[in-house]
């Protein structure tokens, strides 16, 4: 099967994606490690952009909602 120009472009694109992802991981590695140690959730939102979230705030919201239900009832 001959090697077509399309295959070369796909290979080039794949390599660029790998390079970009590696650079992104290196750029944010310290913050990601810090968030992991704190047991926070990390969501990648783009190159060099992360959303860090402390899941304990979910418990606070649940307690607030339960308090509202008790006071309303």
PDB file of N, CA and C in Angstrom:
ATOM      1  N   UNK A   1       0.850  -1.172   0.000  1.00  0.00           N
ATOM      2  CA  UNK A   1       0.000   0.000   0.000  1.00  0.00           C
ATOM      3  C   UNK A   1       0.896   1.236   0.000  1.00  0.00           C
ATOM      4  N   UNK A   2       0.743   2.124  -0.929  1.00  0.00           N
ATOM      5  CA  UNK A   2       1.610   3.306  -1.005  1.00  0.00           C
ATOM      6  C   UNK A   2       1.298   4.292   0.112  1.00  0.00           C
ATOM      7  N   UNK A   3       2.330   5.027   0.482  1.00  0.00           N
ATOM      8  CA  UNK A   3       2.201   6.042   1.536  1.00  0.00           C
ATOM      9  C   UNK A   3       1.726   7.332   0.891  1.00  0.00           C
ATOM     10  N   UNK A   4       0.506   7.721   1.186  1.00  0.00           N
ATOM     11  CA  UNK A   4      -0.081   8.900   0.565  1.00  0.00           C
ATOM     12  C   UNK A   4       0.197  10.149   1.388  1.00  0.00           C
ATOM     13  N   UNK A   5       0.046  11.271   0.757  1.00  0.00           N
ATOM     14  CA  UNK A   5       0.260  12.561   1.423  1.00  0.00           C
ATOM     15  C   UNK A   5      -0.683  12.726   2.613  1.00  0.00           C
ATOM     16  N   UNK A   6      -1.901  12.203   2.508  1.00  0.00           N
ATOM     17  CA  UNK A   6      -2.872  12.287   3.601  1.00  0.00           C
ATOM     18  C   UNK A   6      -2.340  11.584   4.842  1.00  0.00           C
ATOM     19  N   UNK A   7      -1.717  10.423   4.655  1.00  0.00           N
ATOM     20  CA  UNK A   7      -1.143   9.695   5.779  1.00  0.00           C
ATOM     21  C   UNK A   7      -0.044  10.503   6.452  1.00  0.00           C
ATOM     22  N   UNK A   8       0.766  11.189   5.666  1.00  0.00           N
ATOM     23  CA  UNK A   8       1.839  12.010   6.229  1.00  0.00           C
ATOM     24  C   UNK A   8       1.268  13.162   7.042  1.00  0.00           C
ATOM     25  N   UNK A   9       0.196  13.764   6.550  1.00  0.00           N
ATOM     26  CA  UNK A   9      -0.437  14.857   7.291  1.00  0.00           C
ATOM     27  C   UNK A   9      -1.049  14.362   8.596  1.00  0.00           C
ATOM     28  N   UNK A  10      -1.672  13.199   8.559  1.00  0.00           N
ATOM     29  CA  UNK A  10      -2.246  12.631   9.788  1.00  0.00           C
ATOM     30  C   UNK A  10      -1.163  12.298  10.801  1.00  0.00           C
ATOM     31  N   UNK A  11      -0.053  11.761  10.331  1.00  0.00           N
ATOM     32  CA  UNK A  11       1.073  11.450  11.213  1.00  0.00           C
ATOM     33  C   UNK A  11       1.634  12.730  11.831  1.00  0.00           C
ATOM     34  N   UNK A  12       1.779  13.766  11.030  1.00  0.00           N
ATOM     35  CA  UNK A  12       2.282  15.046  11.513  1.00  0.00           C
ATOM     36  C   UNK A  12       1.330  15.638  12.552  1.00  0.00           C
ATOM     37  N   UNK A  13       0.039  15.575  12.282  1.00  0.00           N
ATOM     38  CA  UNK A  13      -0.961  16.093  13.222  1.00  0.00           C
ATOM     39  C   UNK A  13      -0.914  15.330  14.539  1.00  0.00           C
ATOM     40  N   UNK A  14      -0.792  14.014  14.469  1.00  0.00           N
ATOM     41  CA  UNK A  14      -0.728  13.192  15.673  1.00  0.00           C
ATOM     42  C   UNK A  14       0.493  13.551  16.514  1.00  0.00           C
ATOM     43  N   UNK A  15       1.625  13.774  15.876  1.00  0.00           N
ATOM     44  CA  UNK A  15       2.839  14.148  16.607  1.00  0.00           C
ATOM     45  C   UNK A  15       2.697  15.508  17.264  1.00  0.00           C
ATOM     46  N   UNK A  16       2.081  16.444  16.555  1.00  0.00           N
ATOM     47  CA  UNK A  16       1.870  17.779  17.125  1.00  0.00           C
ATOM     48  C   UNK A  16       0.933  17.733  18.329  1.00  0.00           C
ATOM     49  N   UNK A  17      -0.084  16.899  18.252  1.00  0.00           N
ATOM     50  CA  UNK A  17      -1.005  16.746  19.380  1.00  0.00           C
ATOM     51  C   UNK A  17      -0.276  16.171  20.584  1.00  0.00           C
ATOM     52  N   UNK A  18       0.568  15.172  20.352  1.00  0.00           N
ATOM     53  CA  UNK A  18       1.346  14.590  21.450  1.00  0.00           C
ATOM     54  C   UNK A  18       2.299  15.611  22.065  1.00  0.00           C
ATOM     55  N   UNK A  19       2.947  16.405  21.230  1.00  0.00           N
ATOM     56  CA  UNK A  19       3.848  17.448  21.742  1.00  0.00           C
ATOM     57  C   UNK A  19       3.078  18.485  22.555  1.00  0.00           C
ATOM     58  N   UNK A  20       1.921  18.899  22.042  1.00  0.00           N
ATOM     59  CA  UNK A  20       1.104  19.887  22.746  1.00  0.00           C
ATOM     60  C   UNK A  20       0.638  19.350  24.099  1.00  0.00           C
ATOM     61  N   UNK A  21       0.162  18.109  24.127  1.00  0.00           N
ATOM     62  CA  UNK A  21      -0.315  17.520  25.378  1.00  0.00           C
ATOM     63  C   UNK A  21       0.816  17.357  26.385  1.00  0.00           C
ATOM     64  N   UNK A  22       1.994  16.973  25.916  1.00  0.00           N
ATOM     65  CA  UNK A  22       3.146  16.857  26.808  1.00  0.00           C
ATOM     66  C   UNK A  22       3.540  18.199  27.392  1.00  0.00           C
ATOM     67  N   UNK A  23       3.530  19.246  26.565  1.00  0.00           N
ATOM     68  CA  UNK A  23       3.851  20.589  27.052  1.00  0.00           C
ATOM     69  C   UNK A  23       2.806  21.051  28.058  1.00  0.00           C
ATOM     70  N   UNK A  24       1.543  20.746  27.811  1.00  0.00           N
ATOM     71  CA  UNK A  24       0.468  21.116  28.723  1.00  0.00           C
ATOM     72  C   UNK A  24       0.642  20.438  30.073  1.00  0.00           C
ATOM     73  N   UNK A  25       0.975  19.148  30.058  1.00  0.00           N
ATOM     74  CA  UNK A  25       1.184  18.420  31.314  1.00  0.00           C
ATOM     75  C   UNK A  25       2.375  18.977  32.082  1.00  0.00           C
ATOM     76  N   UNK A  26       3.472  19.297  31.367  1.00  0.00           N
ATOM     77  CA  UNK A  26       4.644  19.857  32.043  1.00  0.00           C
ATOM     78  C   UNK A  26       4.349  21.239  32.613  1.00  0.00           C
ATOM     79  N   UNK A  27       3.592  22.036  31.901  1.00  0.00           N
ATOM     80  CA  UNK A  27       3.263  23.379  32.332  1.00  0.00           C
ATOM     81  C   UNK A  27       2.441  23.376  33.622  1.00  0.00           C
ATOM     82  N   UNK A  28       1.524  22.433  33.747  1.00  0.00           N
ATOM     83  CA  UNK A  28       0.607  22.403  34.888  1.00  0.00           C
ATOM     84  C   UNK A  28       0.929  21.310  35.900  1.00  0.00           C
ATOM     85  N   UNK A  29       2.078  20.674  35.784  1.00  0.00           N
ATOM     86  CA  UNK A  29       2.358  19.506  36.630  1.00  0.00           C
ATOM     87  C   UNK A  29       2.408  19.845  38.117  1.00  0.00           C
ATOM     88  N   UNK A  30       2.991  20.967  38.482  1.00  0.00           N
ATOM     89  CA  UNK A  30       3.086  21.330  39.903  1.00  0.00           C
ATOM     90  C   UNK A  30       1.696  21.573  40.497  1.00  0.00           C
ATOM     91  N   UNK A  31       0.857  22.305  39.773  1.00  0.00           N
ATOM     92  CA  UNK A  31      -0.494  22.575  40.272  1.00  0.00           C
ATOM     93  C   UNK A  31      -1.335  21.307  40.306  1.00  0.00           C
ATOM     94  N   UNK A  32      -1.178  20.453  39.295  1.00  0.00           N
ATOM     95  CA  UNK A  32      -1.925  19.197  39.282  1.00  0.00           C
ATOM     96  C   UNK A  32      -1.510  18.305  40.441  1.00  0.00           C
ATOM     97  N   UNK A  33      -0.218  18.253  40.727  1.00  0.00           N
ATOM     98  CA  UNK A  33       0.278  17.447  41.853  1.00  0.00           C
ATOM     99  C   UNK A  33      -0.289  17.986  43.169  1.00  0.00           C
ATOM    100  N   UNK A  34      -0.286  19.319  43.317  1.00  0.00           N
ATOM    101  CA  UNK A  34      -0.809  19.958  44.519  1.00  0.00           C
ATOM    102  C   UNK A  34      -2.287  19.619  44.701  1.00  0.00           C
ATOM    103  N   UNK A  35      -3.069  19.723  43.630  1.00  0.00           N
ATOM    104  CA  UNK A  35      -4.499  19.411  43.692  1.00  0.00           C
ATOM    105  C   UNK A  35      -4.716  17.932  44.012  1.00  0.00           C
ATOM    106  N   UNK A  36      -3.886  17.060  43.449  1.00  0.00           N
ATOM    107  CA  UNK A  36      -4.005  15.623  43.730  1.00  0.00           C
ATOM    108  C   UNK A  36      -3.743  15.335  45.207  1.00  0.00           C
ATOM    109  N   UNK A  37      -2.735  15.984  45.769  1.00  0.00           N
ATOM    110  CA  UNK A  37      -2.418  15.774  47.189  1.00  0.00           C
ATOM    111  C   UNK A  37      -3.536  16.271  48.097  1.00  0.00           C
ATOM    112  N   UNK A  38      -4.257  17.313  47.673  1.00  0.00           N
ATOM    113  CA  UNK A  38      -5.384  17.833  48.443  1.00  0.00           C
ATOM    114  C   UNK A  38      -6.681  17.080  48.167  1.00  0.00           C
ATOM    115  N   UNK A  39      -6.613  16.091  47.254  1.00  0.00           N
ATOM    116  CA  UNK A  39      -7.765  15.281  46.841  1.00  0.00           C
ATOM    117  C   UNK A  39      -8.837  16.126  46.165  1.00  0.00           C
ATOM    118  N   UNK A  40      -8.404  17.116  45.392  1.00  0.00           N
ATOM    119  CA  UNK A  40      -9.311  17.940  44.604  1.00  0.00           C
ATOM    120  C   UNK A  40      -9.497  17.304  43.243  1.00  0.00           C
ATOM    121  N   UNK A  41     -10.559  17.665  42.567  1.00  0.00           N
ATOM    122  CA  UNK A  41     -10.764  17.203  41.205  1.00  0.00           C
ATOM    123  C   UNK A  41     -10.137  18.216  40.247  1.00  0.00           C
ATOM    124  N   UNK A  42      -9.594  17.710  39.157  1.00  0.00           N
ATOM    125  CA  UNK A  42      -8.943  18.545  38.155  1.00  0.00           C
ATOM    126  C   UNK A  42      -9.590  18.287  36.805  1.00  0.00           C
ATOM    127  N   UNK A  43      -9.992  19.357  36.131  1.00  0.00           N
ATOM    128  CA  UNK A  43     -10.586  19.255  34.806  1.00  0.00           C
ATOM    129  C   UNK A  43      -9.773  20.102  33.838  1.00  0.00           C
ATOM    130  N   UNK A  44      -9.255  19.458  32.788  1.00  0.00           N
ATOM    131  CA  UNK A  44      -8.522  20.203  31.751  1.00  0.00           C
ATOM    132  C   UNK A  44      -9.518  20.962  30.901  1.00  0.00           C
ATOM    133  N   UNK A  45      -9.249  22.261  30.688  1.00  0.00           N
ATOM    134  CA  UNK A  45     -10.171  23.071  29.912  1.00  0.00           C
ATOM    135  C   UNK A  45      -9.540  23.623  28.645  1.00  0.00           C
ATOM    136  N   UNK A  46      -8.308  23.353  28.421  1.00  0.00           N
ATOM    137  CA  UNK A  46      -7.613  23.865  27.258  1.00  0.00           C
ATOM    138  C   UNK A  46      -6.126  23.882  27.555  1.00  0.00           C
ATOM    139  N   UNK A  47      -5.342  24.390  26.619  1.00  0.00           N
ATOM    140  CA  UNK A  47      -3.898  24.389  26.823  1.00  0.00           C
ATOM    141  C   UNK A  47      -3.532  25.279  28.001  1.00  0.00           C
ATOM    142  N   UNK A  48      -2.956  24.679  29.036  1.00  0.00           N
ATOM    143  CA  UNK A  48      -2.512  25.420  30.213  1.00  0.00           C
ATOM    144  C   UNK A  48      -3.635  25.906  31.102  1.00  0.00           C
ATOM    145  N   UNK A  49      -4.832  25.412  30.898  1.00  0.00           N
ATOM    146  CA  UNK A  49      -5.982  25.862  31.679  1.00  0.00           C
ATOM    147  C   UNK A  49      -6.598  24.669  32.407  1.00  0.00           C
ATOM    148  N   UNK A  50      -6.786  24.823  33.685  1.00  0.00           N
ATOM    149  CA  UNK A  50      -7.377  23.772  34.510  1.00  0.00           C
ATOM    150  C   UNK A  50      -8.463  24.368  35.388  1.00  0.00           C
ATOM    151  N   UNK A  51      -9.400  23.521  35.776  1.00  0.00           N
ATOM    152  CA  UNK A  51     -10.397  23.876  36.768  1.00  0.00           C
ATOM    153  C   UNK A  51     -10.156  22.953  37.952  1.00  0.00           C
ATOM    154  N   UNK A  52      -9.799  23.539  39.091  1.00  0.00           N
ATOM    155  CA  UNK A  52      -9.545  22.773  40.307  1.00  0.00           C
ATOM    156  C   UNK A  52     -10.739  22.970  41.237  1.00  0.00           C
ATOM    157  N   UNK A  53     -11.197  21.870  41.827  1.00  0.00           N
ATOM    158  CA  UNK A  53     -12.387  21.941  42.655  1.00  0.00           C
ATOM    159  C   UNK A  53     -12.237  21.049  43.874  1.00  0.00           C
ATOM    160  N   UNK A  54     -12.618  21.602  45.019  1.00  0.00           N
ATOM    161  CA  UNK A  54     -12.587  20.852  46.268  1.00  0.00           C
ATOM    162  C   UNK A  54     -13.949  20.175  46.449  1.00  0.00           C
ATOM    163  N   UNK A  55     -14.006  18.844  46.411  1.00  0.00           N
ATOM    164  CA  UNK A  55     -15.297  18.156  46.490  1.00  0.00           C
ATOM    165  C   UNK A  55     -15.985  18.299  47.847  1.00  0.00           C
ATOM    166  N   UNK A  56     -15.268  18.772  48.853  1.00  0.00           N
ATOM    167  CA  UNK A  56     -15.906  18.956  50.167  1.00  0.00           C
ATOM    168  C   UNK A  56     -17.001  20.011  50.109  1.00  0.00           C
ATOM    169  N   UNK A  57     -16.943  20.920  49.124  1.00  0.00           N
ATOM    170  CA  UNK A  57     -17.991  21.924  49.018  1.00  0.00           C
ATOM    171  C   UNK A  57     -19.333  21.313  48.637  1.00  0.00           C
ATOM    172  N   UNK A  58     -19.326  20.124  48.053  1.00  0.00           N
ATOM    173  CA  UNK A  58     -20.585  19.429  47.764  1.00  0.00           C
ATOM    174  C   UNK A  58     -21.313  19.100  49.060  1.00  0.00           C
ATOM    175  N   UNK A  59     -20.566  18.720  50.103  1.00  0.00           N
ATOM    176  CA  UNK A  59     -21.154  18.394  51.401  1.00  0.00           C
ATOM    177  C   UNK A  59     -21.770  19.649  52.007  1.00  0.00           C
ATOM    178  N   UNK A  60     -21.092  20.783  51.888  1.00  0.00           N
ATOM    179  CA  UNK A  60     -21.618  22.039  52.425  1.00  0.00           C
ATOM    180  C   UNK A  60     -22.953  22.368  51.758  1.00  0.00           C
ATOM    181  N   UNK A  61     -23.024  22.224  50.460  1.00  0.00           N
ATOM    182  CA  UNK A  61     -24.283  22.499  49.749  1.00  0.00           C
ATOM    183  C   UNK A  61     -25.399  21.562  50.203  1.00  0.00           C
ATOM    184  N   UNK A  62     -25.072  20.286  50.395  1.00  0.00           N
ATOM    185  CA  UNK A  62     -26.088  19.327  50.834  1.00  0.00           C
ATOM    186  C   UNK A  62     -26.603  19.670  52.223  1.00  0.00           C
ATOM    187  N   UNK A  63     -25.718  20.075  53.126  1.00  0.00           N
ATOM    188  CA  UNK A  63     -26.122  20.444  54.483  1.00  0.00           C
ATOM    189  C   UNK A  63     -26.979  21.714  54.452  1.00  0.00           C
ATOM    190  N   UNK A  64     -26.583  22.691  53.636  1.00  0.00           N
ATOM    191  CA  UNK A  64     -27.377  23.916  53.512  1.00  0.00           C
ATOM    192  C   UNK A  64     -28.776  23.607  52.987  1.00  0.00           C
ATOM    193  N   UNK A  65     -28.861  22.752  51.989  1.00  0.00           N
ATOM    194  CA  UNK A  65     -30.163  22.382  51.426  1.00  0.00           C
ATOM    195  C   UNK A  65     -31.013  21.641  52.449  1.00  0.00           C
ATOM    196  N   UNK A  66     -30.405  20.737  53.219  1.00  0.00           N
ATOM    197  CA  UNK A  66     -31.145  20.019  54.261  1.00  0.00           C
ATOM    198  C   UNK A  66     -31.642  20.992  55.316  1.00  0.00           C
ATOM    199  N   UNK A  67     -30.823  21.982  55.676  1.00  0.00           N
ATOM    200  CA  UNK A  67     -31.247  22.987  56.645  1.00  0.00           C
ATOM    201  C   UNK A  67     -32.418  23.798  56.137  1.00  0.00           C
ATOM    202  N   UNK A  68     -32.407  24.154  54.866  1.00  0.00           N
ATOM    203  CA  UNK A  68     -33.522  24.906  54.282  1.00  0.00           C
ATOM    204  C   UNK A  68     -34.805  24.071  54.317  1.00  0.00           C
ATOM    205  N   UNK A  69     -34.682  22.782  54.021  1.00  0.00           N
ATOM    206  CA  UNK A  69     -35.874  21.922  54.046  1.00  0.00           C
ATOM    207  C   UNK A  69     -36.452  21.785  55.444  1.00  0.00           C
ATOM    208  N   UNK A  70     -35.568  21.692  56.451  1.00  0.00           N
ATOM    209  CA  UNK A  70     -36.016  21.559  57.835  1.00  0.00           C
ATOM    210  C   UNK A  70     -36.696  22.853  58.285  1.00  0.00           C
ATOM    211  N   UNK A  71     -36.093  23.987  57.946  1.00  0.00           N
ATOM    212  CA  UNK A  71     -36.683  25.273  58.369  1.00  0.00           C
ATOM    213  C   UNK A  71     -37.975  25.569  57.631  1.00  0.00           C
ATOM    214  N   UNK A  72     -38.095  25.109  56.395  1.00  0.00           N
ATOM    215  CA  UNK A  72     -39.314  25.362  55.625  1.00  0.00           C
ATOM    216  C   UNK A  72     -40.447  24.446  56.058  1.00  0.00           C
ATOM    217  N   UNK A  73     -40.112  23.288  56.590  1.00  0.00           N
ATOM    218  CA  UNK A  73     -41.130  22.290  56.924  1.00  0.00           C
ATOM    219  C   UNK A  73     -41.670  22.470  58.259  1.00  0.00           C
TER     220      UNK A  73
END
